[in-house]
Amino acid sequence: MRILLVEDEHSLGTWLTRALEHAGIQVEWVTDGRLADRVLQQADHDALVLDLGLPGMDGQTVLQRLRERDQRLPALILTARNSLEERVRSLHAGADDFLAKPFELAELEARLHALVRRARGVEHPRLACGSLVFDTGRKQFFLNGAPLLLSPREQAVLRVLVQRSGEPFSKQQILERVFSDDEDVHPEAVEVFVHRLRKRLEGSDVRITTLRGLGYALESF
């Protein structure tokens, strides 16, 4: 999962970015509402975590503009403004969920996974493609019921593909989601990890296909 975090409190943003990435969630963090509005028009994310009190453009306006563009990105409001009026206003503006500060990290992580599952029409806390299953609770892949032994990078690439199985991801999209902390990684690295994953999946009903001009897709057959 790759999220956009819009939070202008530096200490909270730094801690939250590190904590979520430690939990396997890639985070792009911005501190300004206008910048967030631009990023949302250009980048690819699975969910938005949005503060309301922002410089440049307030969170309500960021959310309103997002929905006016008919972008269906799941949006969770994370704010100290915890009045009923503020919650109702945010939900009417297009928010999918609302979490007040202070909050527990485990709850935020669970809510994000739930938002993404609902957006994909999946209510079970597992991601699957054929006999390949990723258990989000144990953070472990299983193939035909047996644990699939992967390196951290291999697992990260496979998690990207299984989140939207059947849909292609370009090398650049995979790079942004897996190697966001390393600007020196080249697209060829994706080819290496895809090659390794194909070896891991040999003999199963799951494969990674190359769609010319589009990228890689995880499919069952």
C-alpha atoms as a PDB file:
ATOM      1  CA  MET A   1       0.000   0.000   0.000  1.00  0.00           C
ATOM      2  CA  ARG A   2       1.203   3.504  -0.840  1.00  0.00           C
ATOM      3  CA  ILE A   3      -0.429   6.485   0.837  1.00  0.00           C
ATOM      4  CA  LEU A   4      -0.191  10.251   0.666  1.00  0.00           C
ATOM      5  CA  LEU A   5       0.142  11.794   4.133  1.00  0.00           C
ATOM      6  CA  VAL A   6      -0.733  15.494   4.366  1.00  0.00           C
ATOM      7  CA  GLU A   7       0.360  16.752   7.782  1.00  0.00           C
ATOM      8  CA  ASP A   8       2.062  20.047   8.647  1.00  0.00           C
ATOM      9  CA  GLU A   9       3.161  19.108  12.181  1.00  0.00           C
ATOM     10  CA  HIS A  10       6.752  18.039  11.531  1.00  0.00           C
ATOM     11  CA  SER A  11       7.273  15.842  14.581  1.00  0.00           C
ATOM     12  CA  LEU A  12       4.032  13.931  13.969  1.00  0.00           C
ATOM     13  CA  GLY A  13       4.682  13.596  10.250  1.00  0.00           C
ATOM     14  CA  THR A  14       8.209  12.278  10.814  1.00  0.00           C
ATOM     15  CA  TRP A  15       7.093   9.727  13.409  1.00  0.00           C
ATOM     16  CA  LEU A  16       4.053   8.615  11.420  1.00  0.00           C
ATOM     17  CA  THR A  17       6.038   8.177   8.209  1.00  0.00           C
ATOM     18  CA  ARG A  18       8.622   5.996   9.927  1.00  0.00           C
ATOM     19  CA  ALA A  19       6.041   3.981  11.864  1.00  0.00           C
ATOM     20  CA  LEU A  20       3.846   3.254   8.846  1.00  0.00           C
ATOM     21  CA  GLU A  21       6.793   2.348   6.645  1.00  0.00           C
ATOM     22  CA  HIS A  22       8.006  -0.014   9.375  1.00  0.00           C
ATOM     23  CA  ALA A  23       4.552  -1.635   9.105  1.00  0.00           C
ATOM     24  CA  GLY A  24       4.998  -2.069   5.353  1.00  0.00           C
ATOM     25  CA  ILE A  25       3.027   0.978   4.185  1.00  0.00           C
ATOM     26  CA  GLN A  26       4.876   3.290   1.794  1.00  0.00           C
ATOM     27  CA  VAL A  27       4.348   6.971   2.649  1.00  0.00           C
ATOM     28  CA  GLU A  28       4.697  10.111   0.580  1.00  0.00           C
ATOM     29  CA  TRP A  29       4.547  13.010   3.051  1.00  0.00           C
ATOM     30  CA  VAL A  30       3.764  16.641   2.218  1.00  0.00           C
ATOM     31  CA  THR A  31       3.136  19.519   4.615  1.00  0.00           C
ATOM     32  CA  ASP A  32       1.205  22.008   2.464  1.00  0.00           C
ATOM     33  CA  GLY A  33      -2.334  21.839   1.109  1.00  0.00           C
ATOM     34  CA  ARG A  34      -1.500  23.359  -2.280  1.00  0.00           C
ATOM     35  CA  LEU A  35       1.344  20.888  -2.765  1.00  0.00           C
ATOM     36  CA  ALA A  36      -0.958  18.041  -1.756  1.00  0.00           C
ATOM     37  CA  ASP A  37      -3.483  19.164  -4.382  1.00  0.00           C
ATOM     38  CA  ARG A  38      -0.781  19.072  -7.079  1.00  0.00           C
ATOM     39  CA  VAL A  39       0.574  15.689  -5.973  1.00  0.00           C
ATOM     40  CA  LEU A  40      -2.910  14.170  -5.972  1.00  0.00           C
ATOM     41  CA  GLN A  41      -3.306  15.149  -9.622  1.00  0.00           C
ATOM     42  CA  GLN A  42      -0.023  13.535 -10.648  1.00  0.00           C
ATOM     43  CA  ALA A  43       0.916  10.612  -8.399  1.00  0.00           C
ATOM     44  CA  ASP A  44      -0.517   7.158  -7.793  1.00  0.00           C
ATOM     45  CA  HIS A  45      -1.634   6.290  -4.246  1.00  0.00           C
ATOM     46  CA  ASP A  46      -3.919   3.777  -2.580  1.00  0.00           C
ATOM     47  CA  ALA A  47      -5.210   6.102   0.143  1.00  0.00           C
ATOM     48  CA  LEU A  48      -5.017   9.655   1.474  1.00  0.00           C
ATOM     49  CA  VAL A  49      -4.447  10.617   5.121  1.00  0.00           C
ATOM     50  CA  LEU A  50      -5.371  14.285   5.414  1.00  0.00           C
ATOM     51  CA  ASP A  51      -5.077  16.849   8.189  1.00  0.00           C
ATOM     52  CA  LEU A  52      -7.557  19.736   8.066  1.00  0.00           C
ATOM     53  CA  GLY A  53      -5.533  22.643   9.425  1.00  0.00           C
ATOM     54  CA  LEU A  54      -2.951  23.097   6.666  1.00  0.00           C
ATOM     55  CA  PRO A  55      -0.983  26.036   5.253  1.00  0.00           C
ATOM     56  CA  GLY A  56      -1.534  27.020   1.630  1.00  0.00           C
ATOM     57  CA  MET A  57      -4.901  25.284   1.290  1.00  0.00           C
ATOM     58  CA  ASP A  58      -7.001  23.811   4.083  1.00  0.00           C
ATOM     59  CA  GLY A  59      -7.775  20.108   4.156  1.00  0.00           C
ATOM     60  CA  GLN A  60     -11.475  20.567   3.428  1.00  0.00           C
ATOM     61  CA  THR A  61     -10.618  22.341   0.166  1.00  0.00           C
ATOM     62  CA  VAL A  62      -8.062  19.670  -0.773  1.00  0.00           C
ATOM     63  CA  LEU A  63     -10.742  17.032  -0.248  1.00  0.00           C
ATOM     64  CA  GLN A  64     -13.384  19.013  -2.128  1.00  0.00           C
ATOM     65  CA  ARG A  65     -11.107  19.486  -5.136  1.00  0.00           C
ATOM     66  CA  LEU A  66     -10.206  15.793  -5.090  1.00  0.00           C
ATOM     67  CA  ARG A  67     -13.867  14.795  -5.342  1.00  0.00           C
ATOM     68  CA  GLU A  68     -14.659  17.481  -7.926  1.00  0.00           C
ATOM     69  CA  ARG A  69     -12.057  15.776 -10.159  1.00  0.00           C
ATOM     70  CA  ASP A  70     -14.003  12.542  -9.595  1.00  0.00           C
ATOM     71  CA  GLN A  71     -10.973  10.888  -8.033  1.00  0.00           C
ATOM     72  CA  ARG A  72     -12.177   7.906  -6.012  1.00  0.00           C
ATOM     73  CA  LEU A  73      -9.094   7.706  -3.775  1.00  0.00           C
ATOM     74  CA  PRO A  74     -10.056   6.575  -0.238  1.00  0.00           C
ATOM     75  CA  ALA A  75      -9.557   9.523   2.143  1.00  0.00           C
ATOM     76  CA  LEU A  76      -9.124   9.415   5.907  1.00  0.00           C
ATOM     77  CA  ILE A  77      -9.258  12.675   7.862  1.00  0.00           C
ATOM     78  CA  LEU A  78      -6.716  12.793  10.701  1.00  0.00           C
ATOM     79  CA  THR A  79      -7.220  15.909  12.802  1.00  0.00           C
ATOM     80  CA  ALA A  80      -7.500  17.417  16.259  1.00  0.00           C
ATOM     81  CA  ARG A  81     -10.833  18.974  15.219  1.00  0.00           C
ATOM     82  CA  ASN A  82     -13.098  16.349  16.740  1.00  0.00           C
ATOM     83  CA  SER A  83     -16.463  18.084  16.891  1.00  0.00           C
ATOM     84  CA  LEU A  84     -19.555  16.422  15.481  1.00  0.00           C
ATOM     85  CA  GLU A  85     -19.967  19.331  13.087  1.00  0.00           C
ATOM     86  CA  GLU A  86     -16.437  18.851  11.730  1.00  0.00           C
ATOM     87  CA  ARG A  87     -16.897  15.095  11.292  1.00  0.00           C
ATOM     88  CA  VAL A  88     -20.214  15.540   9.480  1.00  0.00           C
ATOM     89  CA  ARG A  89     -18.782  18.283   7.280  1.00  0.00           C
ATOM     90  CA  SER A  90     -15.806  16.103   6.328  1.00  0.00           C
ATOM     91  CA  LEU A  91     -17.964  13.098   5.500  1.00  0.00           C
ATOM     92  CA  HIS A  92     -20.301  15.226   3.375  1.00  0.00           C
ATOM     93  CA  ALA A  93     -17.242  16.635   1.589  1.00  0.00           C
ATOM     94  CA  GLY A  94     -16.230  13.130   0.538  1.00  0.00           C
ATOM     95  CA  ALA A  95     -14.141  11.715   3.376  1.00  0.00           C
ATOM     96  CA  ASP A  96     -14.362   7.947   3.810  1.00  0.00           C
ATOM     97  CA  ASP A  97     -13.251   7.868   7.433  1.00  0.00           C
ATOM     98  CA  PHE A  98     -12.367  10.197  10.305  1.00  0.00           C
ATOM     99  CA  LEU A  99      -9.828   9.650  13.100  1.00  0.00           C
ATOM    100  CA  ALA A 100      -9.236  12.205  15.833  1.00  0.00           C
ATOM    101  CA  LYS A 101      -5.871  13.073  17.359  1.00  0.00           C
ATOM    102  CA  PRO A 102      -4.461  11.664  19.564  1.00  0.00           C
ATOM    103  CA  PHE A 103      -4.812   8.212  18.058  1.00  0.00           C
ATOM    104  CA  GLU A 104      -3.302   4.740  18.252  1.00  0.00           C
ATOM    105  CA  LEU A 105      -1.079   3.705  15.354  1.00  0.00           C
ATOM    106  CA  ALA A 106      -2.620   0.223  15.223  1.00  0.00           C
ATOM    107  CA  GLU A 107      -6.073   1.725  14.694  1.00  0.00           C
ATOM    108  CA  LEU A 108      -4.872   4.001  11.908  1.00  0.00           C
ATOM    109  CA  GLU A 109      -3.142   1.089  10.175  1.00  0.00           C
ATOM    110  CA  ALA A 110      -6.265  -1.084  10.478  1.00  0.00           C
ATOM    111  CA  ARG A 111      -8.517   1.685   9.147  1.00  0.00           C
ATOM    112  CA  LEU A 112      -6.246   2.224   6.141  1.00  0.00           C
ATOM    113  CA  HIS A 113      -6.280  -1.469   5.253  1.00  0.00           C
ATOM    114  CA  ALA A 114     -10.071  -1.495   5.621  1.00  0.00           C
ATOM    115  CA  LEU A 115     -10.461   1.546   3.355  1.00  0.00           C
ATOM    116  CA  VAL A 116      -8.320   0.009   0.629  1.00  0.00           C
ATOM    117  CA  ARG A 117     -10.126  -3.336   0.885  1.00  0.00           C
ATOM    118  CA  ARG A 118     -13.516  -1.643   0.570  1.00  0.00           C
ATOM    119  CA  ALA A 119     -12.306   0.424  -2.371  1.00  0.00           C
ATOM    120  CA  ARG A 120     -11.319  -2.805  -4.126  1.00  0.00           C
ATOM    121  CA  GLY A 121     -14.525  -4.581  -3.130  1.00  0.00           C
ATOM    122  CA  VAL A 122     -12.656  -6.926  -0.763  1.00  0.00           C
ATOM    123  CA  GLU A 123     -13.831  -7.259   2.833  1.00  0.00           C
ATOM    124  CA  HIS A 124     -11.575 -10.138   3.945  1.00  0.00           C
ATOM    125  CA  PRO A 125      -8.302  -9.012   5.601  1.00  0.00           C
ATOM    126  CA  ARG A 126      -6.278 -11.050   3.126  1.00  0.00           C
ATOM    127  CA  LEU A 127      -5.116 -10.234  -0.374  1.00  0.00           C
ATOM    128  CA  ALA A 128      -5.172 -13.148  -2.775  1.00  0.00           C
ATOM    129  CA  CYS A 129      -4.606 -14.200  -6.364  1.00  0.00           C
ATOM    130  CA  GLY A 130      -5.313 -17.860  -7.057  1.00  0.00           C
ATOM    131  CA  SER A 131      -3.463 -19.981  -4.508  1.00  0.00           C
ATOM    132  CA  LEU A 132      -1.270 -17.024  -3.503  1.00  0.00           C
ATOM    133  CA  VAL A 133      -2.469 -15.288  -0.335  1.00  0.00           C
ATOM    134  CA  PHE A 134      -1.016 -12.413   1.672  1.00  0.00           C
ATOM    135  CA  ASP A 135      -2.181 -12.364   5.275  1.00  0.00           C
ATOM    136  CA  THR A 136      -2.086  -8.722   6.377  1.00  0.00           C
ATOM    137  CA  GLY A 137      -2.159  -9.653  10.046  1.00  0.00           C
ATOM    138  CA  ARG A 138       0.896 -11.920   9.904  1.00  0.00           C
ATOM    139  CA  LYS A 139       2.487  -9.976   7.025  1.00  0.00           C
ATOM    140  CA  GLN A 140       3.242 -13.266   5.303  1.00  0.00           C
ATOM    141  CA  PHE A 141       2.647 -14.709   1.840  1.00  0.00           C
ATOM    142  CA  PHE A 142       1.325 -18.245   1.495  1.00  0.00           C
ATOM    143  CA  LEU A 143       1.355 -20.305  -1.691  1.00  0.00           C
ATOM    144  CA  ASN A 144      -0.882 -23.387  -1.737  1.00  0.00           C
ATOM    145  CA  GLY A 145      -1.200 -23.018   2.024  1.00  0.00           C
ATOM    146  CA  ALA A 146       2.553 -23.067   2.700  1.00  0.00           C
ATOM    147  CA  PRO A 147       4.637 -20.013   3.715  1.00  0.00           C
ATOM    148  CA  LEU A 148       6.414 -18.445   0.748  1.00  0.00           C
ATOM    149  CA  LEU A 149       9.960 -17.483   1.715  1.00  0.00           C
ATOM    150  CA  LEU A 150      10.842 -14.114   0.216  1.00  0.00           C
ATOM    151  CA  SER A 151      13.392 -11.387   0.825  1.00  0.00           C
ATOM    152  CA  PRO A 152      11.972  -8.079   2.137  1.00  0.00           C
ATOM    153  CA  ARG A 153      12.285  -6.476  -1.325  1.00  0.00           C
ATOM    154  CA  GLU A 154      10.728  -9.474  -3.070  1.00  0.00           C
ATOM    155  CA  GLN A 155       7.827  -9.384  -0.637  1.00  0.00           C
ATOM    156  CA  ALA A 156       7.384  -5.645  -1.145  1.00  0.00           C
ATOM    157  CA  VAL A 157       7.210  -6.016  -4.952  1.00  0.00           C
ATOM    158  CA  LEU A 158       4.770  -8.933  -4.696  1.00  0.00           C
ATOM    159  CA  ARG A 159       2.590  -6.958  -2.272  1.00  0.00           C
ATOM    160  CA  VAL A 160       2.316  -4.176  -4.834  1.00  0.00           C
ATOM    161  CA  LEU A 161       1.210  -6.623  -7.529  1.00  0.00           C
ATOM    162  CA  VAL A 162      -1.261  -8.590  -5.376  1.00  0.00           C
ATOM    163  CA  GLN A 163      -3.033  -5.446  -4.156  1.00  0.00           C
ATOM    164  CA  ARG A 164      -4.503  -5.002  -7.651  1.00  0.00           C
ATOM    165  CA  SER A 165      -4.075  -8.414  -9.209  1.00  0.00           C
ATOM    166  CA  GLY A 166      -4.921  -8.498 -12.882  1.00  0.00           C
ATOM    167  CA  GLU A 167      -4.048  -4.826 -13.316  1.00  0.00           C
ATOM    168  CA  PRO A 168      -0.651  -3.739 -14.682  1.00  0.00           C
ATOM    169  CA  PHE A 169       1.924  -1.751 -12.757  1.00  0.00           C
ATOM    170  CA  SER A 170       4.667   0.051 -14.657  1.00  0.00           C
ATOM    171  CA  LYS A 171       8.275  -0.208 -13.500  1.00  0.00           C
ATOM    172  CA  GLN A 172       8.062   3.402 -12.324  1.00  0.00           C
ATOM    173  CA  GLN A 173       4.973   2.718 -10.222  1.00  0.00           C
ATOM    174  CA  ILE A 174       6.675  -0.255  -8.582  1.00  0.00           C
ATOM    175  CA  LEU A 175       9.800   1.813  -7.962  1.00  0.00           C
ATOM    176  CA  GLU A 176       7.768   4.546  -6.258  1.00  0.00           C
ATOM    177  CA  ARG A 177       6.012   2.039  -3.992  1.00  0.00           C
ATOM    178  CA  VAL A 178       8.959  -0.176  -3.080  1.00  0.00           C
ATOM    179  CA  PHE A 179      12.060   1.987  -3.334  1.00  0.00           C
ATOM    180  CA  SER A 180      10.724   5.388  -2.275  1.00  0.00           C
ATOM    181  CA  ASP A 181      13.581   5.740   0.252  1.00  0.00           C
ATOM    182  CA  ASP A 182      16.321   5.100  -2.332  1.00  0.00           C
ATOM    183  CA  GLU A 183      16.581   7.564  -5.192  1.00  0.00           C
ATOM    184  CA  ASP A 184      19.554   5.730  -6.777  1.00  0.00           C
ATOM    185  CA  VAL A 185      17.595   2.590  -7.684  1.00  0.00           C
ATOM    186  CA  HIS A 186      17.105   2.130 -11.438  1.00  0.00           C
ATOM    187  CA  PRO A 187      14.106   0.574 -13.210  1.00  0.00           C
ATOM    188  CA  GLU A 188      16.272  -2.449 -14.075  1.00  0.00           C
ATOM    189  CA  ALA A 189      16.109  -3.425 -10.382  1.00  0.00           C
ATOM    190  CA  VAL A 190      12.400  -4.123 -10.841  1.00  0.00           C
ATOM    191  CA  GLU A 191      13.223  -6.574 -13.627  1.00  0.00           C
ATOM    192  CA  VAL A 192      15.587  -8.429 -11.285  1.00  0.00           C
ATOM    193  CA  PHE A 193      12.972  -8.815  -8.545  1.00  0.00           C
ATOM    194  CA  VAL A 194      10.257  -9.818 -11.014  1.00  0.00           C
ATOM    195  CA  HIS A 195      12.587 -12.500 -12.403  1.00  0.00           C
ATOM    196  CA  ARG A 196      13.192 -13.838  -8.890  1.00  0.00           C
ATOM    197  CA  LEU A 197       9.482 -13.831  -8.079  1.00  0.00           C
ATOM    198  CA  ARG A 198       8.678 -15.733 -11.264  1.00  0.00           C
ATOM    199  CA  LYS A 199      11.072 -18.442 -10.066  1.00  0.00           C
ATOM    200  CA  ARG A 200       9.345 -18.520  -6.682  1.00  0.00           C
ATOM    201  CA  LEU A 201       5.923 -18.918  -8.317  1.00  0.00           C
ATOM    202  CA  GLU A 202       6.925 -21.630 -10.797  1.00  0.00           C
ATOM    203  CA  GLY A 203       4.636 -24.658 -10.749  1.00  0.00           C
ATOM    204  CA  SER A 204       1.736 -22.751  -9.167  1.00  0.00           C
ATOM    205  CA  ASP A 205      -1.440 -21.293 -10.647  1.00  0.00           C
ATOM    206  CA  VAL A 206      -0.074 -17.756 -10.323  1.00  0.00           C
ATOM    207  CA  ARG A 207       2.243 -15.932 -12.672  1.00  0.00           C
ATOM    208  CA  ILE A 208       3.579 -12.455 -13.355  1.00  0.00           C
ATOM    209  CA  THR A 209       2.873 -11.464 -16.953  1.00  0.00           C
ATOM    210  CA  THR A 210       4.486  -8.684 -18.940  1.00  0.00           C
ATOM    211  CA  LEU A 211       2.023  -6.435 -20.736  1.00  0.00           C
ATOM    212  CA  ARG A 212       3.883  -4.591 -23.468  1.00  0.00           C
ATOM    213  CA  GLY A 213       3.906  -0.861 -22.862  1.00  0.00           C
ATOM    214  CA  LEU A 214       2.004  -1.202 -19.580  1.00  0.00           C
ATOM    215  CA  GLY A 215       4.166  -3.139 -17.136  1.00  0.00           C
ATOM    216  CA  TYR A 216       3.679  -6.232 -14.991  1.00  0.00           C
ATOM    217  CA  ALA A 217       0.477  -7.868 -13.761  1.00  0.00           C
ATOM    218  CA  LEU A 218      -0.123 -10.708 -11.308  1.00  0.00           C
ATOM    219  CA  GLU A 219      -2.607 -13.239 -12.709  1.00  0.00           C
ATOM    220  CA  SER A 220      -4.008 -16.641 -11.850  1.00  0.00           C
ATOM    221  CA  PHE A 221      -4.751 -19.239 -14.515  1.00  0.00           C
END
